[in-house]
Every structure is written in structure tokens, then in C-alpha cells.
Amino acid sequence: MNSQDCRFYASLYVQRLRYLIIPIVMATVAGFAVALLLQPIYRSVAKILVDSPRISTELARSSVTADPIQQLQVLEQQLTTRASLLGLAKEFAIFPKADVSDDDVVAQMLARTKIEPVVLNNLGSGSGGAIAFTISFDAADPILAADVANAYANAMLEANGRERKAVADDTHEFFKREVERLDAALKDAQEAILSFKLEHREALPDSLEFRRMQQRAYEERLGQIQREIISLQQKRSMIQQISASGGQGAAADDQQLTELRRSLAEQETIFKDGSANLVALRTRVADLEKRISEKGKTAMDAPRAAGMSPELRLQLADTEGQLSLIAQEKESIGPLLDELTRSIADTEMNTTKLRALEQNYEAVQTHYNEAVARLADASTGQRIEKEAVGQKLSLIEPATPPDKRVWPKRQAIVLGSFGAGIGLSFGIFALTEIFFPTIRRPADLAAVFRGQPFVTIPYIAADSLKPARRMRLGVAALILLVGSSPIFLLVDFHPPASFGADSATSK
């Protein structure tokens, strides 16, 4: 189709405009009627702001540290549960018809409700601005829309406050139980250390140096006692010899015995009992003492018969008494020295056990101190939430009944209907040309004969055929109009099903 054909059909369309204007007018009138008859829908919006804490977080911190966006998402899920939506719909009688199922009610409530975050840059001091969000609800009645939106907002504020207080209370209760548990564990650790010290009080590391000093003192005393015993024994032997020999000098055996006893005393401080040197020296001392004793028996009979001098007898008694006392002291020191040696040997193992108990006590003490500090923070956070001086939600703009509807867009519907009418008229024009072709130009005649005619004479219809032709065109236009209008109305002007249920309430 070239430009000449386009101009021809355009002129033909203008010629038939008196007939084709009928579907345009009818579609426009129908769209206007639909726009007037459709139930208006109103949207009421409530705005909630996330308030910043009134107390600096550097001085006191709340127990609730969740991000505001996360809190919003949690609250949205809580408010849009099935039970919550059904309860709200029943409270405000949004769906008075009894034949509406619960699933449909939930779906309609979700479709009408919108919760959207908003960033208010002009209110915030930071780069991101303050955080707010809106809650909107759509209904056929503006008052109902405002009431439901405010109910949503109040429920969100109550849920947020309740949730924050619950978190603060749970945090405080948790750390309170933790402090009690660690306090009991700390007491158990203290009792374990005390019991261990009482049970091993003779072998504790804090008295190890003192016991070692005692051990050295006892060992030195034993050496001194041994030397005193040897000296007293020598003195006693001298007295006995003097008494037996009538005052003559000591024999060579006595001198040798004295030397052996001195050597034995020195060796006992160096070697342990049972060593070969000590056994040999003790054997020699015993043999020499036996020999001297046998020699002195015969010599002592005479003086005894004649009687020992009082001075010698007194010295001998004194020497025997000193030997007895020193022997008793030696016997008492032996068990004490053995006990000290055993306790010193046990101290190393006790030190390891005691250190483990003390480390456990220190660990429990550290955890206890941390728990006490966190309990103090939790108490502060609990008080902040109870007094509502921390971060919270506040209703800065309650929902009000709107004056303007959000649906239907009547101007758009009328303009759309007018456009649809024009399209319908073009369709009728095209269909009539397709189904009722007519030769109007020489080009049409040439197309029929498949060649160029010499001359064309226009067809002049009789007056009797004009009414029939007009009737056929009118019937075709009416059929197309009647058949297309319902489809057009169903497609373009069908009202949303979500708002049909509460029309009775608004009326």
C-alpha cells in the first residue's frame, strides 16, 4: 500500500465518519458510565518514625541491638500472620458477607495492606537520615481505611515495645542466672582449695622453705648429738679406766676407740645408713669396745670391792645421765626428720594439684566478674527499655480519612474508552472493506482485469439500492459494536475483586 492508497482510505474514512462516530460515542459513554459506577477506593497512610536513643550509647547501651530494618521486617511478619489478619478483619467488619472464606479474607487483607520503609534525609543528622516507614490500608470507606491503618500502627508500636521489653527482661534474667551459677561454682572452687589445704596442711608449697630449714636444723642437731654421744662415751670410758687402773693413763685401745668413734660420727653425717664405710666403722668400734670391756672386767673387780671414789662415782653418774638424755633427744628427732622428709617429697605433687585448683578458681573468678559486669549492663538496658528512653518507634503522623480516592482513575478510563472507540471505528471500517469490497477507482478495476483499461466509467447506483446498502452497513456496524463492547468493558473496566466485599459496609 503506497501513500496514494493511504490518502484514499483516509478520505473514505472521513466520508463515513458520520456512521463510524457511533461506536466512538458509545464506547466513550460506556467508559464514562463505568467510571462513575465503579466503587471508589481510598487509601489511608500512617507514618512511624524510629526515634534515636535519648541517652548516649557511649554512656548506657540498651539490651536490644537489632537493626531497625530487621525490626521492621519482624514486626511486619508478626502483624501479617493469619490469626492477626483474621482478627483485624473481624474487629472492623471489613468483610460482612458470611460466604467469604478465611483464605480469601487473608489474601484480601494482604493485598490491601502495605508497609514500606522511608528515609527522611531532612530529619536525620547523619548521611543516611532518619528511618521511618509507612503503613497504608485500602478500603471503599475512607473512615474504615483510616481506622484499620491506625490499628496496624498501634499494634506495631505495642508489639515493638513489648518485644524490646521482653528482650531486655530475658537478657537480665539470663545473666542473673549466670551470676548465680558462677557464684556457686566460685564457692565450690574455694571450698575445694580450702579442703585440699586442710588435708595437706603439712605438705603445702608455702611452708616448703620453712620445713627445709627445719630439716637442715634437725640434721645438724643429729650430727651434734652424735658428737656429744661420742664425747660422753669417751668420758665414761676414761672414768672407768681411771677407776680400774687407780688413776693411770689410758691405754692405746682407748685412744684408738676414741679416734674410731670420732671418725664414725663424721661419716654418719656424710653417708646414709647401710653404706659399706659406716658398717665397717661400726664393726671396728663394736669389736674394740668389746675387747676393752673384757679387759676392764678383771681390773674393775678390785676397785669395786674396795669401792669407787665419790668424785669418780659422781662424774660417772652425770655422764650416764647426759647420755640417757641425749639418746632420748635423738630418738625424738628421728621421727620428726622422717616426717619432714616425707612432707617435702609430697610437696611437689601437692603443688601441682593446688596450682590446678587455683587456676580453676581464677578462671571461674574471671567468668564471674565478666558475668557481673554484663548483668550490670543488662540491668541498665532493662531500665532503659522500661522508661522508654532508648531507641523506639513513635507515631509521627496518624492515619486520617483521605479525601481523594486512589482508584478508579476516571479520566484515564474515559480517555481509554475514547481511544478504544476510535480503534473500534477503525476496525469496523477495515472489516467492511474486507468483507464488502467495492470498485471505486480505476486502479481497482485494473486489479480485476489484470490489465490497464482504455477508459473507466464510474458506476452510478440507482436510488432504490441506496437504502439497502445503508442498512447492510448499519447492521454490520451494530454487530461489531455489540460484539466488541462487552469484551472491551471486561478487559479495561473490570473492578478489582478485592474491594467488592466491603461496599456494603461503606454504604
Protein backbone atom coordinates (compact mmCIF):
# COMPACT_ATOMS: atom_id res chain seq x y z
CA MET A 1 0.00 0.00 0.00
CA ASN A 2 1.50 3.31 -1.12
CA SER A 3 0.87 6.83 0.06
CA GLN A 4 -1.84 7.35 -2.57
CA ASP A 5 -3.81 4.40 -1.18
CA CYS A 6 -3.42 5.76 2.35
CA ARG A 7 -4.79 9.14 1.32
CA PHE A 8 -7.68 7.44 -0.49
CA TYR A 9 -8.70 5.35 2.53
CA ALA A 10 -8.29 8.32 4.84
CA SER A 11 -10.65 10.37 2.73
CA LEU A 12 -13.02 7.41 2.58
CA TYR A 13 -12.88 7.12 6.39
CA VAL A 14 -13.74 10.81 6.71
CA GLN A 15 -16.66 10.35 4.33
CA ARG A 16 -18.04 7.54 6.52
CA LEU A 17 -17.30 9.32 9.78
CA ARG A 18 -20.98 10.11 10.25
CA TYR A 19 -21.52 6.36 10.65
CA LEU A 20 -18.23 5.47 12.38
CA ILE A 21 -18.67 8.12 15.06
CA ILE A 22 -21.41 5.97 16.57
CA PRO A 23 -19.03 3.35 18.13
CA ILE A 24 -16.75 6.16 19.29
CA VAL A 25 -19.58 7.89 21.10
CA MET A 26 -20.97 4.65 22.51
CA ALA A 27 -17.58 3.49 23.81
CA THR A 28 -16.89 6.88 25.37
CA VAL A 29 -20.31 6.99 27.02
CA ALA A 30 -19.87 3.43 28.27
CA GLY A 31 -16.45 4.27 29.72
CA PHE A 32 -17.83 7.36 31.38
CA ALA A 33 -20.66 5.35 32.90
CA VAL A 34 -18.29 2.68 34.13
CA ALA A 35 -16.00 5.32 35.68
CA LEU A 36 -18.97 6.78 37.54
CA LEU A 37 -20.39 3.43 38.64
CA LEU A 38 -17.15 1.81 39.85
CA GLN A 39 -16.76 1.70 43.62
CA PRO A 40 -14.15 4.31 44.73
CA ILE A 41 -11.19 3.06 46.74
CA TYR A 42 -9.47 5.20 49.40
CA ARG A 43 -6.00 4.74 50.88
CA SER A 44 -5.14 5.98 54.36
CA VAL A 45 -1.48 6.15 55.44
CA ALA A 46 0.10 6.25 58.92
CA LYS A 47 3.76 7.18 59.32
CA ILE A 48 6.02 5.77 62.06
CA LEU A 49 9.48 7.12 62.91
CA VAL A 50 12.37 5.20 64.50
CA ASP A 51 13.40 7.52 67.35
CA SER A 52 17.08 7.70 68.32
CA PRO A 53 18.02 6.89 71.95
CA ARG A 54 17.67 9.77 74.38
CA ILE A 55 20.75 8.56 76.27
CA SER A 56 24.08 8.36 74.50
CA THR A 57 25.10 4.81 73.69
CA GLU A 58 28.60 5.64 74.93
CA LEU A 59 27.20 6.11 78.45
CA ALA A 60 24.50 3.43 78.55
CA ARG A 61 23.58 0.83 75.98
CA SER A 62 20.25 -0.90 75.52
CA SER A 63 19.96 -4.67 75.53
CA VAL A 64 18.20 -4.57 72.14
CA THR A 65 20.77 -4.10 69.38
CA ALA A 66 18.78 -5.27 66.36
CA ASP A 67 18.84 -3.15 63.20
CA PRO A 68 15.67 -1.03 62.69
CA ILE A 69 15.10 -2.55 59.25
CA GLN A 70 15.31 -6.02 60.75
CA GLN A 71 12.87 -4.99 63.49
CA LEU A 72 10.51 -3.69 60.80
CA GLN A 73 10.68 -6.99 58.92
CA VAL A 74 9.99 -8.95 62.11
CA LEU A 75 7.06 -6.72 63.04
CA GLU A 76 5.65 -6.97 59.53
CA GLN A 77 5.71 -10.76 59.72
CA GLN A 78 4.05 -10.68 63.15
CA LEU A 79 1.29 -8.32 62.02
CA THR A 80 0.55 -10.20 58.80
CA THR A 81 0.06 -13.61 60.35
CA ARG A 82 -3.15 -15.43 59.53
CA ALA A 83 -4.58 -15.08 63.04
CA SER A 84 -3.76 -11.36 63.21
CA LEU A 85 -5.33 -10.59 59.83
CA LEU A 86 -8.48 -12.58 60.58
CA GLY A 87 -8.84 -10.88 63.97
CA LEU A 88 -8.45 -7.43 62.46
CA ALA A 89 -10.95 -8.16 59.69
CA LYS A 90 -13.46 -9.43 62.23
CA GLU A 91 -12.92 -6.48 64.58
CA PHE A 92 -13.68 -3.86 61.91
CA ALA A 93 -16.20 -5.98 59.96
CA ILE A 94 -14.27 -5.44 56.76
CA PHE A 95 -15.94 -8.44 55.11
CA PRO A 96 -19.55 -8.55 56.33
CA LYS A 97 -20.54 -11.32 53.95
CA ALA A 98 -20.55 -14.70 55.64
CA ASP A 99 -19.71 -16.60 52.46
CA VAL A 100 -16.14 -15.21 52.29
CA SER A 101 -13.64 -17.92 53.25
CA ASP A 102 -10.77 -17.33 55.64
CA ASP A 103 -8.24 -17.82 52.85
CA ASP A 104 -9.92 -15.11 50.79
CA VAL A 105 -10.00 -12.79 53.80
CA VAL A 106 -6.28 -13.27 54.41
CA ALA A 107 -5.49 -12.74 50.72
CA GLN A 108 -7.62 -9.57 50.57
CA MET A 109 -6.07 -8.15 53.74
CA LEU A 110 -2.57 -8.76 52.43
CA ALA A 111 -3.46 -7.11 49.11
CA ARG A 112 -4.85 -4.02 50.84
CA THR A 113 -2.04 -3.60 53.38
CA LYS A 114 1.33 -2.08 52.53
CA ILE A 115 4.29 -1.47 54.86
CA GLU A 116 7.11 0.44 53.20
CA PRO A 117 10.33 1.97 54.64
CA VAL A 118 11.08 5.64 54.05
CA VAL A 119 14.38 7.52 54.51
CA LEU A 120 13.86 11.05 55.80
CA ASN A 121 17.08 12.85 54.91
CA ASN A 122 15.84 16.17 56.20
CA LEU A 123 15.26 14.75 59.68
CA GLY A 124 18.43 12.80 60.12
CA SER A 125 21.71 14.28 61.25
CA GLY A 126 23.75 11.55 59.62
CA SER A 127 24.36 10.88 55.99
CA GLY A 128 21.63 8.28 55.84
CA GLY A 129 18.97 10.35 57.54
CA ALA A 130 16.33 9.18 59.96
CA ILE A 131 14.47 5.96 59.33
CA ALA A 132 10.69 5.89 59.05
CA PHE A 133 8.11 3.71 57.39
CA THR A 134 4.51 3.99 56.33
CA ILE A 135 1.54 1.69 56.92
CA SER A 136 -1.33 2.04 54.45
CA PHE A 137 -4.67 0.30 54.04
CA ASP A 138 -7.12 0.47 51.11
CA ALA A 139 -10.89 0.40 51.60
CA ALA A 140 -14.06 1.68 49.98
CA ASP A 141 -14.80 3.74 53.09
CA PRO A 142 -12.18 6.40 53.95
CA ILE A 143 -13.01 6.21 57.65
CA LEU A 144 -12.59 2.43 57.62
CA ALA A 145 -9.26 2.78 55.82
CA ALA A 146 -8.02 5.25 58.46
CA ASP A 147 -9.24 3.10 61.36
CA VAL A 148 -7.55 -0.03 60.06
CA ALA A 149 -4.29 1.81 59.27
CA ASN A 150 -4.22 3.28 62.79
CA ALA A 151 -4.97 -0.15 64.22
CA TYR A 152 -1.99 -1.52 62.31
CA ALA A 153 0.21 1.32 63.57
CA ASN A 154 -0.87 0.93 67.20
CA ALA A 155 -0.40 -2.82 67.03
CA MET A 156 3.09 -2.32 65.62
CA LEU A 157 4.02 0.16 68.36
CA GLU A 158 2.70 -2.15 71.08
CA ALA A 159 4.43 -5.18 69.58
CA ASN A 160 7.72 -3.30 69.29
CA GLY A 161 7.59 -2.06 72.87
CA ARG A 162 6.56 -5.46 74.17
CA GLU A 163 9.28 -7.20 72.18
CA ARG A 164 12.01 -4.81 73.34
CA LYS A 165 10.98 -5.17 76.98
CA ALA A 166 10.87 -8.95 76.63
CA VAL A 167 14.37 -9.00 75.14
CA ALA A 168 15.68 -6.75 77.93
CA ASP A 169 13.98 -8.87 80.63
CA ASP A 170 15.24 -12.13 79.13
CA THR A 171 18.77 -10.74 78.89
CA HIS A 172 18.69 -9.58 82.51
CA GLU A 173 17.25 -12.89 83.70
CA PHE A 174 19.85 -14.88 81.75
CA PHE A 175 22.82 -13.02 83.23
CA LYS A 176 21.22 -13.14 86.66
CA ARG A 177 21.09 -16.94 86.47
CA GLU A 178 24.62 -16.95 85.06
CA VAL A 179 25.91 -14.90 88.00
CA GLU A 180 24.18 -17.23 90.46
CA ARG A 181 25.65 -20.28 88.73
CA LEU A 182 29.16 -18.83 88.65
CA ASP A 183 28.84 -17.70 92.26
CA ALA A 184 28.06 -21.28 93.29
CA ALA A 185 30.94 -22.55 91.15
CA LEU A 186 33.25 -19.97 92.75
CA LYS A 187 32.26 -21.12 96.23
CA ASP A 188 32.84 -24.74 95.23
CA ALA A 189 36.30 -23.84 93.93
CA GLN A 190 37.09 -22.01 97.18
CA GLU A 191 35.91 -24.95 99.26
CA ALA A 192 37.97 -27.35 97.15
CA ILE A 193 41.11 -25.27 97.73
CA LEU A 194 40.39 -24.96 101.46
CA SER A 195 39.71 -28.69 101.83
CA PHE A 196 42.90 -29.55 99.97
CA LYS A 197 44.95 -27.21 102.15
CA LEU A 198 43.44 -28.63 105.33
CA GLU A 199 44.05 -32.19 104.17
CA HIS A 200 47.67 -31.49 103.16
CA ARG A 201 48.49 -28.69 105.58
CA GLU A 202 51.83 -30.34 106.46
CA ALA A 203 52.94 -30.52 102.79
CA LEU A 204 51.94 -27.22 101.21
CA PRO A 205 54.29 -25.21 98.99
CA ASP A 206 54.02 -22.03 101.07
CA SER A 207 55.75 -23.76 104.05
CA LEU A 208 58.29 -25.70 101.98
CA GLU A 209 61.21 -23.37 102.74
CA PHE A 210 60.44 -23.44 106.47
CA ARG A 211 60.35 -27.24 106.51
CA ARG A 212 63.61 -27.40 104.61
CA MET A 213 65.16 -25.14 107.25
CA GLN A 214 63.77 -27.45 109.93
CA GLN A 215 65.19 -30.45 108.11
CA ARG A 216 68.64 -28.89 107.97
CA ALA A 217 68.39 -27.91 111.64
CA TYR A 218 67.42 -31.46 112.69
CA GLU A 219 70.19 -32.95 110.60
CA GLU A 220 72.71 -30.59 112.15
CA ARG A 221 71.35 -31.40 115.59
CA LEU A 222 71.68 -35.13 114.93
CA GLY A 223 75.30 -34.64 113.95
CA GLN A 224 75.88 -32.61 117.06
CA ILE A 225 74.16 -35.23 119.21
CA GLN A 226 76.29 -37.94 117.70
CA ARG A 227 79.42 -35.99 118.52
CA GLU A 228 78.19 -35.38 122.06
CA ILE A 229 77.46 -39.08 122.49
CA ILE A 230 80.96 -39.97 121.36
CA SER A 231 82.44 -37.39 123.70
CA LEU A 232 80.38 -38.62 126.66
CA GLN A 233 81.18 -42.22 125.88
CA GLN A 234 84.85 -41.33 125.81
CA LYS A 235 84.47 -39.53 129.11
CA ARG A 236 82.71 -42.53 130.63
CA SER A 237 85.44 -44.86 129.40
CA MET A 238 88.08 -42.60 130.83
CA ILE A 239 86.34 -42.61 134.20
CA GLN A 240 86.03 -46.37 134.14
CA GLN A 241 89.66 -46.78 133.15
CA ILE A 242 90.82 -44.35 135.82
CA SER A 243 88.76 -46.18 138.36
CA ALA A 244 90.12 -49.55 137.20
CA SER A 245 93.79 -48.56 136.96
CA GLY A 246 93.90 -46.47 140.03
CA GLY A 247 94.41 -43.25 138.11
CA GLN A 248 96.92 -44.43 135.46
CA GLY A 249 96.80 -43.09 131.87
CA ALA A 250 94.55 -44.53 129.22
CA ALA A 251 95.73 -47.43 127.15
CA ALA A 252 96.32 -47.39 123.41
CA ASP A 253 92.99 -49.20 122.85
CA ASP A 254 91.12 -46.30 124.42
CA GLN A 255 92.82 -43.80 122.19
CA GLN A 256 92.06 -45.92 119.12
CA LEU A 257 88.41 -46.26 120.21
CA THR A 258 88.17 -42.50 120.57
CA GLU A 259 89.52 -41.94 117.10
CA LEU A 260 87.17 -44.54 115.59
CA ARG A 261 84.10 -43.01 117.26
CA ARG A 262 85.04 -39.55 116.02
CA SER A 263 85.51 -40.90 112.51
CA LEU A 264 82.17 -42.75 112.73
CA ALA A 265 80.37 -39.56 113.74
CA GLU A 266 81.85 -37.71 110.82
CA GLN A 267 80.97 -40.50 108.37
CA GLU A 268 77.35 -40.66 109.60
CA THR A 269 76.84 -37.04 108.54
CA ILE A 270 78.08 -37.84 105.05
CA PHE A 271 76.90 -41.35 104.17
CA LYS A 272 73.48 -42.97 104.51
CA ASP A 273 72.71 -45.80 106.89
CA GLY A 274 73.75 -49.15 105.46
CA SER A 275 76.73 -47.89 103.47
CA ALA A 276 79.89 -50.04 103.47
CA ASN A 277 82.02 -47.42 105.26
CA LEU A 278 79.57 -47.00 108.13
CA VAL A 279 79.13 -50.76 108.55
CA ALA A 280 82.90 -51.31 108.66
CA LEU A 281 83.48 -48.49 111.16
CA ARG A 282 80.66 -49.67 113.42
CA THR A 283 82.05 -53.20 113.36
CA ARG A 284 85.51 -51.99 114.37
CA VAL A 285 84.07 -49.81 117.12
CA ALA A 286 81.98 -52.68 118.45
CA ASP A 287 84.96 -55.08 118.46
CA LEU A 288 87.21 -52.57 120.15
CA GLU A 289 84.58 -51.76 122.79
CA LYS A 290 84.11 -55.47 123.50
CA ARG A 291 87.84 -56.00 123.90
CA ILE A 292 88.25 -53.03 126.19
CA SER A 293 85.22 -54.13 128.20
CA GLU A 294 86.66 -57.62 128.69
CA LYS A 295 90.00 -56.17 129.78
CA GLY A 296 88.33 -53.86 132.20
CA LYS A 297 86.16 -56.50 133.93
CA THR A 298 89.05 -58.09 135.73
CA ALA A 299 90.59 -54.77 136.53
CA MET A 300 87.34 -53.33 137.90
CA ASP A 301 86.68 -56.10 140.37
CA ALA A 302 89.35 -54.85 142.75
CA PRO A 303 88.27 -51.24 142.87
CA ARG A 304 84.66 -52.25 143.23
CA ALA A 305 85.50 -54.44 146.04
CA ALA A 306 87.46 -51.68 147.56
CA GLY A 307 84.85 -49.09 146.29
CA MET A 308 84.96 -46.25 143.69
CA SER A 309 85.86 -42.83 144.91
CA PRO A 310 82.92 -40.48 145.40
CA GLU A 311 84.22 -37.98 142.86
CA LEU A 312 84.52 -40.60 140.12
CA ARG A 313 81.16 -42.06 141.02
CA LEU A 314 79.54 -38.62 140.72
CA GLN A 315 81.20 -37.93 137.36
CA LEU A 316 80.16 -41.34 136.07
CA ALA A 317 76.54 -40.81 137.12
CA ASP A 318 76.49 -37.39 135.47
CA THR A 319 77.91 -38.81 132.28
CA GLU A 320 75.37 -41.63 132.23
CA GLY A 321 72.54 -39.16 132.75
CA GLN A 322 73.71 -36.96 129.89
CA LEU A 323 73.99 -39.98 127.63
CA SER A 324 70.43 -41.00 128.51
CA LEU A 325 69.02 -37.54 127.78
CA ILE A 326 70.89 -37.25 124.51
CA ALA A 327 69.70 -40.70 123.44
CA GLN A 328 66.10 -39.70 124.15
CA GLU A 329 66.53 -36.50 122.14
CA LYS A 330 67.99 -38.47 119.26
CA GLU A 331 65.06 -40.87 119.30
CA SER A 332 62.58 -37.95 119.25
CA ILE A 333 64.33 -36.18 116.37
CA GLY A 334 64.35 -39.26 114.14
CA PRO A 335 60.55 -39.47 113.53
CA LEU A 336 60.34 -35.69 113.08
CA LEU A 337 63.08 -35.77 110.47
CA ASP A 338 61.40 -38.67 108.67
CA GLU A 339 58.07 -36.80 108.64
CA LEU A 340 59.74 -33.68 107.27
CA THR A 341 61.46 -35.69 104.54
CA ARG A 342 58.16 -37.29 103.55
CA SER A 343 56.25 -33.97 103.52
CA ILE A 344 58.96 -32.30 101.43
CA ALA A 345 58.76 -35.16 98.93
CA ASP A 346 54.93 -34.83 98.78
CA THR A 347 55.06 -31.05 98.36
CA GLU A 348 55.90 -31.21 94.65
CA MET A 349 52.81 -33.29 93.81
CA ASN A 350 50.65 -31.16 96.10
CA THR A 351 51.97 -28.03 94.40
CA THR A 352 50.76 -29.30 91.02
CA LYS A 353 47.32 -30.20 92.37
CA LEU A 354 46.98 -26.94 94.26
CA ARG A 355 48.01 -24.94 91.21
CA ALA A 356 45.33 -26.69 89.14
CA LEU A 357 42.71 -25.85 91.78
CA GLU A 358 43.86 -22.23 91.91
CA GLN A 359 43.80 -21.93 88.10
CA ASN A 360 40.25 -23.28 88.08
CA TYR A 361 39.34 -20.75 90.75
CA GLU A 362 40.92 -17.91 88.75
CA ALA A 363 39.06 -18.96 85.59
CA VAL A 364 35.75 -19.10 87.44
CA GLN A 365 36.54 -15.75 89.06
CA THR A 366 37.21 -14.19 85.64
CA HIS A 367 33.94 -15.52 84.23
CA TYR A 368 32.12 -14.39 87.36
CA ASN A 369 33.49 -10.84 87.05
CA GLU A 370 32.50 -10.72 83.37
CA ALA A 371 29.02 -12.01 84.19
CA VAL A 372 28.61 -9.41 86.94
CA ALA A 373 29.64 -6.65 84.54
CA ARG A 374 27.23 -7.91 81.90
CA LEU A 375 24.47 -8.21 84.48
CA ALA A 376 25.03 -4.55 85.33
CA ASP A 377 24.79 -3.67 81.63
CA ALA A 378 21.64 -5.81 81.31
CA SER A 379 20.11 -4.05 84.33
CA THR A 380 20.85 -0.70 82.72
CA GLY A 381 19.37 -1.87 79.42
CA GLN A 382 16.28 -3.19 81.21
CA ARG A 383 15.75 0.15 82.92
CA ILE A 384 16.24 1.99 79.62
CA GLU A 385 13.51 -0.10 77.98
CA LYS A 386 11.15 0.23 80.95
CA GLU A 387 11.49 4.01 80.95
CA ALA A 388 11.36 4.09 77.11
CA VAL A 389 14.43 6.31 76.76
CA GLY A 390 16.20 4.10 74.22
CA GLN A 391 15.54 3.56 70.55
CA LYS A 392 11.81 3.14 69.93
CA LEU A 393 9.04 3.58 67.39
CA SER A 394 6.77 6.62 67.55
CA LEU A 395 3.70 7.54 65.53
CA ILE A 396 4.55 10.87 63.93
CA GLU A 397 1.58 11.00 61.56
CA PRO A 398 -1.59 9.03 62.34
CA ALA A 399 -3.82 7.91 59.51
CA THR A 400 -6.69 10.24 58.62
CA PRO A 401 -9.69 9.65 56.33
CA PRO A 402 -8.49 10.60 52.83
CA ASP A 403 -10.42 12.99 50.61
CA LYS A 404 -9.12 11.71 47.29
CA ARG A 405 -9.60 8.22 46.01
CA VAL A 406 -6.72 6.16 44.62
CA TRP A 407 -9.00 4.12 42.33
CA PRO A 408 -10.65 4.28 39.84
CA LYS A 409 -8.77 6.75 37.64
CA ARG A 410 -11.86 8.18 35.93
CA GLN A 411 -10.06 10.42 33.48
CA ALA A 412 -7.86 7.55 32.37
CA ILE A 413 -10.92 5.32 31.96
CA VAL A 414 -12.78 7.92 29.85
CA LEU A 415 -9.72 8.59 27.71
CA GLY A 416 -9.15 4.89 27.32
CA SER A 417 -12.76 4.39 26.31
CA PHE A 418 -12.47 7.16 23.75
CA GLY A 419 -9.32 5.59 22.33
CA ALA A 420 -11.00 2.20 22.28
CA GLY A 421 -13.96 3.73 20.41
CA ILE A 422 -11.63 5.14 17.78
CA GLY A 423 -9.95 1.77 17.45
CA LEU A 424 -13.34 0.10 17.16
CA SER A 425 -14.37 2.52 14.40
CA PHE A 426 -11.18 1.76 12.51
CA GLY A 427 -11.89 -1.93 12.95
CA ILE A 428 -15.41 -1.58 11.60
CA PHE A 429 -14.12 0.41 8.65
CA ALA A 430 -11.45 -2.20 7.89
CA LEU A 431 -13.86 -5.12 8.21
CA THR A 432 -16.42 -3.54 5.90
CA GLU A 433 -13.73 -3.02 3.28
CA ILE A 434 -12.55 -6.60 3.66
CA PHE A 435 -15.92 -8.34 3.64
CA PHE A 436 -17.70 -5.90 1.27
CA PRO A 437 -15.15 -4.92 -1.39
CA THR A 438 -16.26 -2.32 -3.96
CA ILE A 439 -14.64 -0.97 -7.12
CA ARG A 440 -14.24 2.76 -6.58
CA ARG A 441 -11.11 3.68 -8.58
CA PRO A 442 -9.61 2.80 -11.97
CA ALA A 443 -6.88 1.01 -10.06
CA ASP A 444 -9.49 -1.32 -8.52
CA LEU A 445 -10.89 -2.10 -11.99
CA ALA A 446 -7.39 -2.71 -13.36
CA ALA A 447 -6.79 -5.12 -10.49
CA VAL A 448 -9.91 -7.09 -11.50
CA PHE A 449 -8.98 -7.36 -15.20
CA ARG A 450 -5.28 -7.75 -14.53
CA GLY A 451 -4.54 -5.09 -17.06
CA GLN A 452 -4.91 -1.40 -17.73
CA PRO A 453 -8.31 -0.50 -19.30
CA PHE A 454 -8.58 2.14 -22.02
CA VAL A 455 -11.15 4.14 -20.09
CA THR A 456 -13.26 3.79 -16.88
CA ILE A 457 -16.81 4.94 -16.43
CA PRO A 458 -17.99 5.30 -12.77
CA TYR A 459 -20.91 3.22 -11.57
CA ILE A 460 -23.96 5.24 -10.68
CA ALA A 461 -26.18 3.30 -8.31
CA ALA A 462 -29.90 3.56 -8.56
CA ASP A 463 -31.78 5.34 -5.80
CA SER A 464 -33.57 2.11 -4.89
CA LEU A 465 -30.28 0.38 -3.91
CA LYS A 466 -29.02 3.06 -1.52
CA PRO A 467 -31.30 2.16 1.44
CA ALA A 468 -30.30 -1.50 1.24
CA ARG A 469 -26.64 -0.62 1.21
CA ARG A 470 -27.03 1.70 4.15
CA MET A 471 -28.91 -0.97 6.06
CA ARG A 472 -26.17 -3.52 5.46
CA LEU A 473 -23.54 -1.09 6.69
CA GLY A 474 -25.58 -0.22 9.76
CA VAL A 475 -26.23 -3.86 10.65
CA ALA A 476 -22.54 -4.69 10.28
CA ALA A 477 -21.53 -1.76 12.46
CA LEU A 478 -24.12 -2.66 15.10
CA ILE A 479 -22.98 -6.29 15.16
CA LEU A 480 -19.35 -5.28 15.57
CA LEU A 481 -20.20 -2.73 18.24
CA VAL A 482 -22.41 -5.06 20.26
CA GLY A 483 -19.92 -7.90 19.98
CA SER A 484 -16.87 -5.86 20.90
CA SER A 485 -18.21 -3.66 23.71
CA PRO A 486 -18.59 -6.42 26.37
CA ILE A 487 -15.06 -7.64 25.71
CA PHE A 488 -13.73 -4.10 25.98
CA LEU A 489 -15.55 -3.49 29.23
CA LEU A 490 -14.40 -6.78 30.75
CA VAL A 491 -10.79 -6.12 29.86
CA ASP A 492 -10.47 -2.42 30.68
CA PHE A 493 -13.14 -1.66 33.28
CA HIS A 494 -13.37 -4.75 35.44
CA PRO A 495 -13.09 -3.52 39.05
CA PRO A 496 -10.64 -5.18 41.44
CA ALA A 497 -12.25 -8.07 43.25
CA SER A 498 -10.51 -7.13 46.48
CA PHE A 499 -12.80 -4.16 47.03
CA GLY A 500 -16.17 -5.68 46.24
CA ALA A 501 -16.70 -7.20 49.64
CA ASP A 502 -16.76 -4.04 51.74
CA SER A 503 -19.09 -1.98 49.51
CA ALA A 504 -21.99 -2.85 51.75
CA THR A 505 -20.05 -1.57 54.75
CA SER A 506 -19.34 1.78 53.11
CA LYS A 507 -22.99 2.17 52.14
